[in-house]
Amino acid sequence: MGIKKKRRISIRIDMTPMVDIAFLLLIFYMATTQFKPPEAKAVTLPMSHSQIKLPDKDIINVTVSKKDSIYVDFLQKETVTIDGNEIATTVRKYAEVDTYNVSAVINRARAVNPRALIVIKADRDASFGVMNDIMNSMKENHLTRFLIITDQERELASSGAGGA
């Protein structure tokens, strides 16, 4: 007596829910990702060997362009009224300043956020005098903790890239 083989029933997996979840995750990550905020002025940074990582928040940027213009940008908390409801939000503020009032603007930003770190981004073609004036102004106003940002210098290959 022969045993009859059962006919196999094929299994069909519906991929629609998995695709839906993948798209929902993609939309979630796109909506919640914080991109780098726009800079007040684009600068070409000088090179160095420094490898300190900057924090993502709580910073006050002081930017010095190659034409010696000075910009200060920082986050400020404000309340906005929408449909009769007051909502607290943070707004990025930009200010073009000169060497005489740069420390006053920084002090106003520090009053809003005392933990903020002062970061100076100076163009490599900016004059030394402007940087010296900024640092003296900050020193007079007891702002002695700040970072000067540079680009990472690329190491030369040791396979004869040096001079003779």
N, C-alpha and C. Protein backbone atom coordinates (compact mmCIF):
# COMPACT_ATOMS: atom_id res chain seq x y z
N MET A 1 0.85 -1.15 0.00
CA MET A 1 0.00 0.00 0.00
C MET A 1 0.91 1.22 0.00
N GLY A 2 0.72 2.06 -0.95
CA GLY A 2 1.56 3.25 -1.09
C GLY A 2 1.01 4.42 -0.30
N ILE A 3 1.94 5.15 0.26
CA ILE A 3 1.55 6.35 1.02
C ILE A 3 1.48 7.51 0.04
N LYS A 4 0.37 8.17 0.07
CA LYS A 4 0.22 9.31 -0.80
C LYS A 4 0.88 10.53 -0.15
N LYS A 5 1.63 11.21 -0.98
CA LYS A 5 2.25 12.44 -0.47
C LYS A 5 1.23 13.55 -0.45
N LYS A 6 1.25 14.30 0.64
CA LYS A 6 0.36 15.44 0.72
C LYS A 6 0.88 16.54 -0.19
N ARG A 7 -0.02 17.16 -0.81
CA ARG A 7 0.36 18.27 -1.66
C ARG A 7 0.72 19.46 -0.78
N ARG A 8 1.89 20.01 -1.05
CA ARG A 8 2.36 21.14 -0.23
C ARG A 8 1.62 22.40 -0.59
N ILE A 9 1.24 23.11 0.43
CA ILE A 9 0.58 24.40 0.21
C ILE A 9 1.67 25.46 0.33
N SER A 10 1.78 26.29 -0.70
CA SER A 10 2.83 27.31 -0.66
C SER A 10 2.45 28.42 0.33
N ILE A 11 3.48 28.94 0.98
CA ILE A 11 3.27 30.00 1.97
C ILE A 11 3.55 31.34 1.30
N ARG A 12 2.66 32.26 1.48
CA ARG A 12 2.82 33.59 0.89
C ARG A 12 2.89 34.60 2.03
N ILE A 13 4.02 35.31 2.11
CA ILE A 13 4.19 36.31 3.17
C ILE A 13 3.90 37.68 2.58
N ASP A 14 2.99 38.38 3.23
CA ASP A 14 2.64 39.72 2.77
C ASP A 14 3.68 40.71 3.30
N MET A 15 4.38 41.40 2.41
CA MET A 15 5.45 42.32 2.77
C MET A 15 4.94 43.76 3.00
N THR A 16 3.69 44.01 2.77
CA THR A 16 3.16 45.37 2.89
C THR A 16 3.36 45.97 4.29
N PRO A 17 3.05 45.27 5.37
CA PRO A 17 3.28 45.88 6.70
C PRO A 17 4.75 46.20 6.96
N MET A 18 5.68 45.36 6.50
CA MET A 18 7.09 45.64 6.72
C MET A 18 7.54 46.89 5.94
N VAL A 19 7.04 47.03 4.73
CA VAL A 19 7.36 48.22 3.93
C VAL A 19 6.77 49.46 4.59
N ASP A 20 5.55 49.35 5.10
CA ASP A 20 4.93 50.49 5.80
C ASP A 20 5.77 50.91 7.00
N ILE A 21 6.23 49.95 7.79
CA ILE A 21 7.04 50.28 8.96
C ILE A 21 8.37 50.89 8.54
N ALA A 22 8.97 50.38 7.48
CA ALA A 22 10.24 50.95 7.01
C ALA A 22 10.06 52.41 6.61
N PHE A 23 8.99 52.72 5.90
CA PHE A 23 8.74 54.11 5.52
C PHE A 23 8.43 54.98 6.73
N LEU A 24 7.68 54.46 7.70
CA LEU A 24 7.41 55.23 8.91
C LEU A 24 8.69 55.53 9.67
N LEU A 25 9.59 54.55 9.77
CA LEU A 25 10.88 54.79 10.44
C LEU A 25 11.70 55.82 9.67
N LEU A 26 11.71 55.71 8.36
CA LEU A 26 12.45 56.68 7.55
C LEU A 26 11.91 58.09 7.76
N ILE A 27 10.59 58.25 7.75
CA ILE A 27 9.99 59.57 7.98
C ILE A 27 10.30 60.06 9.39
N PHE A 28 10.26 59.17 10.39
CA PHE A 28 10.57 59.56 11.76
C PHE A 28 11.99 60.08 11.87
N TYR A 29 12.96 59.35 11.31
CA TYR A 29 14.35 59.79 11.40
C TYR A 29 14.60 61.07 10.61
N MET A 30 13.93 61.23 9.49
CA MET A 30 14.09 62.47 8.72
C MET A 30 13.51 63.66 9.48
N ALA A 31 12.42 63.44 10.19
CA ALA A 31 11.77 64.54 10.90
C ALA A 31 12.49 64.91 12.19
N THR A 32 13.16 63.96 12.83
CA THR A 32 13.78 64.24 14.12
C THR A 32 15.26 64.53 14.04
N THR A 33 15.88 64.37 12.90
CA THR A 33 17.31 64.61 12.77
C THR A 33 17.58 66.11 12.84
N GLN A 34 18.57 66.48 13.62
CA GLN A 34 18.97 67.88 13.69
C GLN A 34 20.18 68.07 12.81
N PHE A 35 19.99 68.86 11.78
CA PHE A 35 21.08 69.14 10.87
C PHE A 35 21.91 70.30 11.40
N LYS A 36 23.10 70.44 10.86
CA LYS A 36 23.98 71.52 11.27
C LYS A 36 23.32 72.85 10.91
N PRO A 37 23.21 73.77 11.88
CA PRO A 37 22.56 75.05 11.58
C PRO A 37 23.42 75.87 10.62
N PRO A 38 22.78 76.72 9.84
CA PRO A 38 23.56 77.54 8.90
C PRO A 38 24.48 78.50 9.64
N GLU A 39 25.66 78.72 9.10
CA GLU A 39 26.61 79.62 9.73
C GLU A 39 26.32 81.05 9.30
N ALA A 40 26.70 82.00 10.16
CA ALA A 40 26.48 83.41 9.83
C ALA A 40 27.29 83.81 8.61
N LYS A 41 28.49 83.30 8.52
CA LYS A 41 29.38 83.62 7.40
C LYS A 41 30.30 82.42 7.20
N ALA A 42 30.49 82.02 5.97
CA ALA A 42 31.39 80.90 5.68
C ALA A 42 32.83 81.38 5.77
N VAL A 43 33.66 80.63 6.47
CA VAL A 43 35.06 81.01 6.63
C VAL A 43 35.95 79.81 6.29
N THR A 44 37.18 80.10 5.88
CA THR A 44 38.19 79.07 5.66
C THR A 44 39.05 79.03 6.91
N LEU A 45 38.96 77.93 7.63
CA LEU A 45 39.64 77.82 8.92
C LEU A 45 41.11 77.49 8.73
N PRO A 46 41.96 77.95 9.65
CA PRO A 46 43.38 77.56 9.61
C PRO A 46 43.54 76.10 10.01
N MET A 47 44.68 75.52 9.67
CA MET A 47 44.94 74.10 9.95
C MET A 47 45.66 73.95 11.29
N SER A 48 45.39 72.82 11.97
CA SER A 48 46.11 72.48 13.20
C SER A 48 45.99 70.98 13.44
N HIS A 49 46.63 70.50 14.50
CA HIS A 49 46.59 69.09 14.86
C HIS A 49 45.56 68.81 15.95
N SER A 50 44.79 69.79 16.35
CA SER A 50 43.83 69.65 17.44
C SER A 50 42.74 68.64 17.08
N GLN A 51 42.29 67.87 18.08
CA GLN A 51 41.26 66.86 17.84
C GLN A 51 40.16 66.91 18.89
N ILE A 52 39.85 68.08 19.41
CA ILE A 52 38.81 68.22 20.42
C ILE A 52 37.46 68.28 19.71
N LYS A 53 36.48 67.50 20.20
CA LYS A 53 35.15 67.48 19.61
C LYS A 53 34.30 68.56 20.27
N LEU A 54 33.61 69.34 19.45
CA LEU A 54 32.73 70.38 19.95
C LEU A 54 31.38 69.80 20.38
N PRO A 55 30.77 70.39 21.39
CA PRO A 55 29.42 69.94 21.74
C PRO A 55 28.42 70.37 20.66
N ASP A 56 27.27 69.68 20.61
CA ASP A 56 26.27 69.99 19.60
C ASP A 56 25.36 71.14 20.01
N LYS A 57 25.29 71.42 21.30
CA LYS A 57 24.41 72.49 21.76
C LYS A 57 25.12 73.31 22.81
N ASP A 58 24.49 74.37 23.23
CA ASP A 58 25.03 75.29 24.24
C ASP A 58 26.35 75.91 23.78
N ILE A 59 26.36 76.47 22.58
CA ILE A 59 27.55 77.18 22.10
C ILE A 59 27.15 78.56 21.58
N ILE A 60 28.08 79.49 21.71
CA ILE A 60 27.95 80.82 21.15
C ILE A 60 29.06 80.95 20.12
N ASN A 61 28.67 81.11 18.85
CA ASN A 61 29.65 81.21 17.77
C ASN A 61 30.03 82.66 17.53
N VAL A 62 31.32 82.92 17.52
CA VAL A 62 31.85 84.22 17.11
C VAL A 62 32.63 83.95 15.83
N THR A 63 32.17 84.52 14.70
CA THR A 63 32.78 84.26 13.40
C THR A 63 33.46 85.53 12.92
N VAL A 64 34.72 85.39 12.49
CA VAL A 64 35.48 86.52 11.94
C VAL A 64 35.77 86.18 10.49
N SER A 65 35.28 87.01 9.56
CA SER A 65 35.47 86.75 8.14
C SER A 65 36.83 87.28 7.68
N LYS A 66 37.17 86.97 6.44
CA LYS A 66 38.47 87.42 5.92
C LYS A 66 38.52 88.93 5.75
N LYS A 67 37.35 89.59 5.69
CA LYS A 67 37.31 91.05 5.60
C LYS A 67 37.17 91.68 6.98
N ASP A 68 37.44 90.89 8.03
CA ASP A 68 37.44 91.32 9.42
C ASP A 68 36.07 91.73 9.94
N SER A 69 35.00 91.22 9.34
CA SER A 69 33.66 91.41 9.88
C SER A 69 33.45 90.38 10.99
N ILE A 70 32.75 90.78 12.03
CA ILE A 70 32.54 89.91 13.18
C ILE A 70 31.05 89.64 13.32
N TYR A 71 30.70 88.34 13.45
CA TYR A 71 29.32 87.92 13.62
C TYR A 71 29.22 87.05 14.86
N VAL A 72 28.15 87.25 15.62
CA VAL A 72 27.89 86.43 16.80
C VAL A 72 26.53 85.78 16.60
N ASP A 73 26.46 84.45 16.75
CA ASP A 73 25.17 83.78 16.68
C ASP A 73 25.02 82.83 17.86
N PHE A 74 23.77 82.75 18.35
CA PHE A 74 23.48 81.96 19.54
C PHE A 74 22.00 81.61 19.54
N LEU A 75 21.62 80.67 20.38
CA LEU A 75 20.22 80.30 20.54
C LEU A 75 19.59 81.09 21.68
N GLN A 76 18.39 81.57 21.45
CA GLN A 76 17.69 82.34 22.47
C GLN A 76 16.28 81.79 22.62
N LYS A 77 15.83 81.63 23.87
CA LYS A 77 14.48 81.12 24.12
C LYS A 77 13.49 82.27 24.04
N GLU A 78 12.40 82.04 23.29
CA GLU A 78 11.36 83.04 23.15
C GLU A 78 10.01 82.37 23.26
N THR A 79 8.99 83.15 23.63
CA THR A 79 7.63 82.64 23.64
C THR A 79 6.89 83.24 22.46
N VAL A 80 6.20 82.37 21.73
CA VAL A 80 5.46 82.77 20.54
C VAL A 80 3.99 82.48 20.79
N THR A 81 3.11 83.39 20.40
CA THR A 81 1.68 83.20 20.55
C THR A 81 1.10 82.68 19.24
N ILE A 82 0.55 81.46 19.29
CA ILE A 82 -0.07 80.85 18.11
C ILE A 82 -1.49 80.45 18.50
N ASP A 83 -2.45 81.02 17.82
CA ASP A 83 -3.88 80.76 18.08
C ASP A 83 -4.24 80.97 19.54
N GLY A 84 -3.69 81.99 20.16
CA GLY A 84 -4.00 82.31 21.54
C GLY A 84 -3.21 81.52 22.56
N ASN A 85 -2.40 80.57 22.13
CA ASN A 85 -1.59 79.78 23.05
C ASN A 85 -0.14 80.25 22.98
N GLU A 86 0.46 80.43 24.15
CA GLU A 86 1.87 80.81 24.19
C GLU A 86 2.73 79.56 24.20
N ILE A 87 3.66 79.51 23.27
CA ILE A 87 4.54 78.35 23.12
C ILE A 87 5.98 78.81 23.28
N ALA A 88 6.74 78.11 24.13
CA ALA A 88 8.16 78.42 24.31
C ALA A 88 8.96 77.73 23.22
N THR A 89 9.84 78.46 22.57
CA THR A 89 10.66 77.92 21.50
C THR A 89 12.05 78.54 21.53
N THR A 90 12.98 77.94 20.85
CA THR A 90 14.32 78.51 20.74
C THR A 90 14.54 79.02 19.32
N VAL A 91 15.15 80.19 19.23
CA VAL A 91 15.38 80.85 17.96
C VAL A 91 16.86 81.17 17.85
N ARG A 92 17.44 80.95 16.67
CA ARG A 92 18.84 81.29 16.44
C ARG A 92 18.93 82.77 16.09
N LYS A 93 19.73 83.50 16.85
CA LYS A 93 19.91 84.94 16.66
C LYS A 93 21.29 85.21 16.05
N TYR A 94 21.33 86.11 15.09
CA TYR A 94 22.58 86.55 14.46
C TYR A 94 22.76 88.03 14.71
N ALA A 95 23.98 88.42 14.97
CA ALA A 95 24.27 89.85 15.16
C ALA A 95 25.63 90.17 14.55
N GLU A 96 25.66 91.19 13.72
CA GLU A 96 26.95 91.67 13.22
C GLU A 96 27.43 92.72 14.20
N VAL A 97 28.64 92.55 14.71
CA VAL A 97 29.16 93.41 15.76
C VAL A 97 30.53 93.94 15.36
N ASP A 98 31.05 94.85 16.18
CA ASP A 98 32.43 95.30 16.00
C ASP A 98 33.23 94.91 17.24
N THR A 99 34.51 95.22 17.23
CA THR A 99 35.37 94.76 18.32
C THR A 99 35.02 95.41 19.65
N TYR A 100 34.31 96.54 19.63
CA TYR A 100 33.98 97.23 20.88
C TYR A 100 32.79 96.62 21.60
N ASN A 101 31.84 96.05 20.84
CA ASN A 101 30.64 95.53 21.52
C ASN A 101 30.49 94.02 21.39
N VAL A 102 31.52 93.32 20.93
CA VAL A 102 31.42 91.87 20.80
C VAL A 102 31.23 91.21 22.17
N SER A 103 31.92 91.67 23.18
CA SER A 103 31.78 91.05 24.50
C SER A 103 30.43 91.37 25.12
N ALA A 104 29.84 92.53 24.80
CA ALA A 104 28.51 92.86 25.32
C ALA A 104 27.46 91.92 24.74
N VAL A 105 27.57 91.62 23.44
CA VAL A 105 26.63 90.69 22.81
C VAL A 105 26.82 89.29 23.38
N ILE A 106 28.06 88.88 23.60
CA ILE A 106 28.33 87.57 24.18
C ILE A 106 27.77 87.50 25.60
N ASN A 107 27.92 88.57 26.38
CA ASN A 107 27.38 88.59 27.75
C ASN A 107 25.85 88.49 27.75
N ARG A 108 25.19 89.12 26.76
CA ARG A 108 23.73 89.00 26.66
C ARG A 108 23.34 87.56 26.35
N ALA A 109 24.11 86.92 25.47
CA ALA A 109 23.83 85.52 25.13
C ALA A 109 24.10 84.62 26.34
N ARG A 110 25.14 84.92 27.09
CA ARG A 110 25.46 84.12 28.28
C ARG A 110 24.44 84.33 29.39
N ALA A 111 23.78 85.49 29.41
CA ALA A 111 22.73 85.72 30.40
C ALA A 111 21.54 84.79 30.16
N VAL A 112 21.28 84.49 28.88
CA VAL A 112 20.20 83.57 28.54
C VAL A 112 20.61 82.14 28.84
N ASN A 113 21.86 81.79 28.52
CA ASN A 113 22.36 80.43 28.71
C ASN A 113 23.75 80.49 29.34
N PRO A 114 23.86 80.46 30.66
CA PRO A 114 25.16 80.60 31.32
C PRO A 114 26.12 79.44 31.05
N ARG A 115 25.59 78.28 30.65
CA ARG A 115 26.46 77.13 30.38
C ARG A 115 27.08 77.17 28.99
N ALA A 116 26.68 78.13 28.17
CA ALA A 116 27.11 78.16 26.77
C ALA A 116 28.63 78.35 26.67
N LEU A 117 29.21 77.63 25.74
CA LEU A 117 30.64 77.68 25.47
C LEU A 117 30.88 78.65 24.33
N ILE A 118 31.86 79.52 24.48
CA ILE A 118 32.18 80.50 23.44
C ILE A 118 33.15 79.87 22.46
N VAL A 119 32.79 79.91 21.18
CA VAL A 119 33.59 79.30 20.12
C VAL A 119 33.91 80.38 19.09
N ILE A 120 35.20 80.57 18.80
CA ILE A 120 35.62 81.56 17.82
C ILE A 120 36.08 80.85 16.56
N LYS A 121 35.44 81.20 15.42
CA LYS A 121 35.83 80.68 14.11
C LYS A 121 36.35 81.86 13.31
N ALA A 122 37.65 81.90 13.11
CA ALA A 122 38.25 83.01 12.38
C ALA A 122 38.80 82.51 11.06
N ASP A 123 38.60 83.26 10.01
CA ASP A 123 39.15 82.92 8.70
C ASP A 123 40.67 82.99 8.78
N ARG A 124 41.33 82.11 8.06
CA ARG A 124 42.80 82.10 8.13
C ARG A 124 43.41 83.36 7.54
N ASP A 125 42.64 84.12 6.75
CA ASP A 125 43.14 85.37 6.17
C ASP A 125 42.70 86.59 6.98
N ALA A 126 42.02 86.39 8.10
CA ALA A 126 41.62 87.51 8.96
C ALA A 126 42.87 88.10 9.61
N SER A 127 42.83 89.40 9.87
CA SER A 127 44.01 90.05 10.44
C SER A 127 44.15 89.70 11.93
N PHE A 128 45.39 89.64 12.37
CA PHE A 128 45.67 89.34 13.77
C PHE A 128 45.13 90.42 14.70
N GLY A 129 45.13 91.66 14.24
CA GLY A 129 44.67 92.78 15.06
C GLY A 129 43.23 92.62 15.51
N VAL A 130 42.37 92.15 14.63
CA VAL A 130 40.96 91.97 14.98
C VAL A 130 40.82 90.87 16.03
N MET A 131 41.53 89.77 15.82
CA MET A 131 41.49 88.68 16.81
C MET A 131 42.03 89.15 18.16
N ASN A 132 43.09 89.92 18.15
CA ASN A 132 43.67 90.45 19.38
C ASN A 132 42.68 91.38 20.08
N ASP A 133 42.01 92.25 19.29
CA ASP A 133 41.01 93.14 19.87
C ASP A 133 39.84 92.36 20.49
N ILE A 134 39.40 91.30 19.82
CA ILE A 134 38.30 90.49 20.35
C ILE A 134 38.72 89.84 21.67
N MET A 135 39.91 89.25 21.69
CA MET A 135 40.36 88.57 22.91
C MET A 135 40.60 89.57 24.05
N ASN A 136 41.11 90.77 23.75
CA ASN A 136 41.29 91.79 24.79
C ASN A 136 39.94 92.26 25.33
N SER A 137 38.96 92.45 24.44
CA SER A 137 37.63 92.87 24.86
C SER A 137 36.99 91.80 25.74
N MET A 138 37.16 90.53 25.37
CA MET A 138 36.61 89.45 26.18
C MET A 138 37.32 89.36 27.53
N LYS A 139 38.63 89.59 27.53
CA LYS A 139 39.40 89.54 28.77
C LYS A 139 38.96 90.65 29.73
N GLU A 140 38.70 91.85 29.20
CA GLU A 140 38.25 92.96 30.03
C GLU A 140 36.88 92.68 30.66
N ASN A 141 36.07 91.88 29.98
CA ASN A 141 34.73 91.54 30.49
C ASN A 141 34.68 90.17 31.15
N HIS A 142 35.85 89.67 31.56
CA HIS A 142 35.99 88.41 32.31
C HIS A 142 35.43 87.21 31.56
N LEU A 143 35.58 87.21 30.23
CA LEU A 143 35.22 86.06 29.41
C LEU A 143 36.52 85.37 28.98
N THR A 144 37.08 84.60 29.87
CA THR A 144 38.41 84.03 29.62
C THR A 144 38.38 82.59 29.13
N ARG A 145 37.21 81.96 29.06
CA ARG A 145 37.12 80.58 28.58
C ARG A 145 36.46 80.55 27.21
N PHE A 146 37.22 80.19 26.20
CA PHE A 146 36.68 80.09 24.85
C PHE A 146 37.56 79.14 24.04
N LEU A 147 37.05 78.69 22.90
CA LEU A 147 37.78 77.82 22.00
C LEU A 147 37.96 78.51 20.66
N ILE A 148 39.11 78.31 20.05
CA ILE A 148 39.34 78.78 18.69
C ILE A 148 39.33 77.55 17.79
N ILE A 149 38.44 77.55 16.81
CA ILE A 149 38.21 76.38 15.97
C ILE A 149 39.17 76.39 14.77
N THR A 150 39.70 75.19 14.45
CA THR A 150 40.58 75.02 13.30
C THR A 150 40.16 73.77 12.54
N ASP A 151 40.67 73.63 11.32
CA ASP A 151 40.48 72.40 10.55
C ASP A 151 41.55 71.39 10.91
N GLN A 152 41.24 70.12 10.73
CA GLN A 152 42.21 69.06 11.01
C GLN A 152 43.26 69.05 9.90
N GLU A 153 44.51 69.14 10.29
CA GLU A 153 45.61 69.11 9.31
C GLU A 153 45.85 67.68 8.88
N ARG A 154 45.96 67.48 7.60
CA ARG A 154 46.19 66.15 7.06
C ARG A 154 47.68 65.79 7.19
N GLU A 155 47.94 64.57 7.64
CA GLU A 155 49.31 64.11 7.79
C GLU A 155 49.89 63.77 6.43
N LEU A 156 51.12 64.19 6.18
CA LEU A 156 51.79 63.84 4.94
C LEU A 156 52.29 62.41 5.02
N ALA A 157 52.25 61.72 3.91
CA ALA A 157 52.75 60.34 3.88
C ALA A 157 54.25 60.35 4.10
N SER A 158 54.73 59.39 4.87
CA SER A 158 56.16 59.37 5.20
C SER A 158 56.99 58.73 4.10
N SER A 159 56.42 58.49 2.95
CA SER A 159 57.15 57.84 1.86
C SER A 159 57.83 58.87 0.96
N GLY A 160 58.63 59.73 1.54
CA GLY A 160 59.42 60.68 0.76
C GLY A 160 58.66 61.94 0.39
N ALA A 161 57.61 62.31 1.15
CA ALA A 161 56.86 63.52 0.85
C ALA A 161 57.57 64.76 1.36
N GLY A 162 58.60 64.60 2.18
CA GLY A 162 59.32 65.74 2.74
C GLY A 162 60.36 66.28 1.77
N GLY A 163 61.08 67.27 2.19
CA GLY A 163 62.11 67.89 1.35
C GLY A 163 63.42 67.12 1.43
N ALA A 164 64.37 67.51 0.59
CA ALA A 164 65.65 66.80 0.53
C ALA A 164 66.62 67.35 1.54
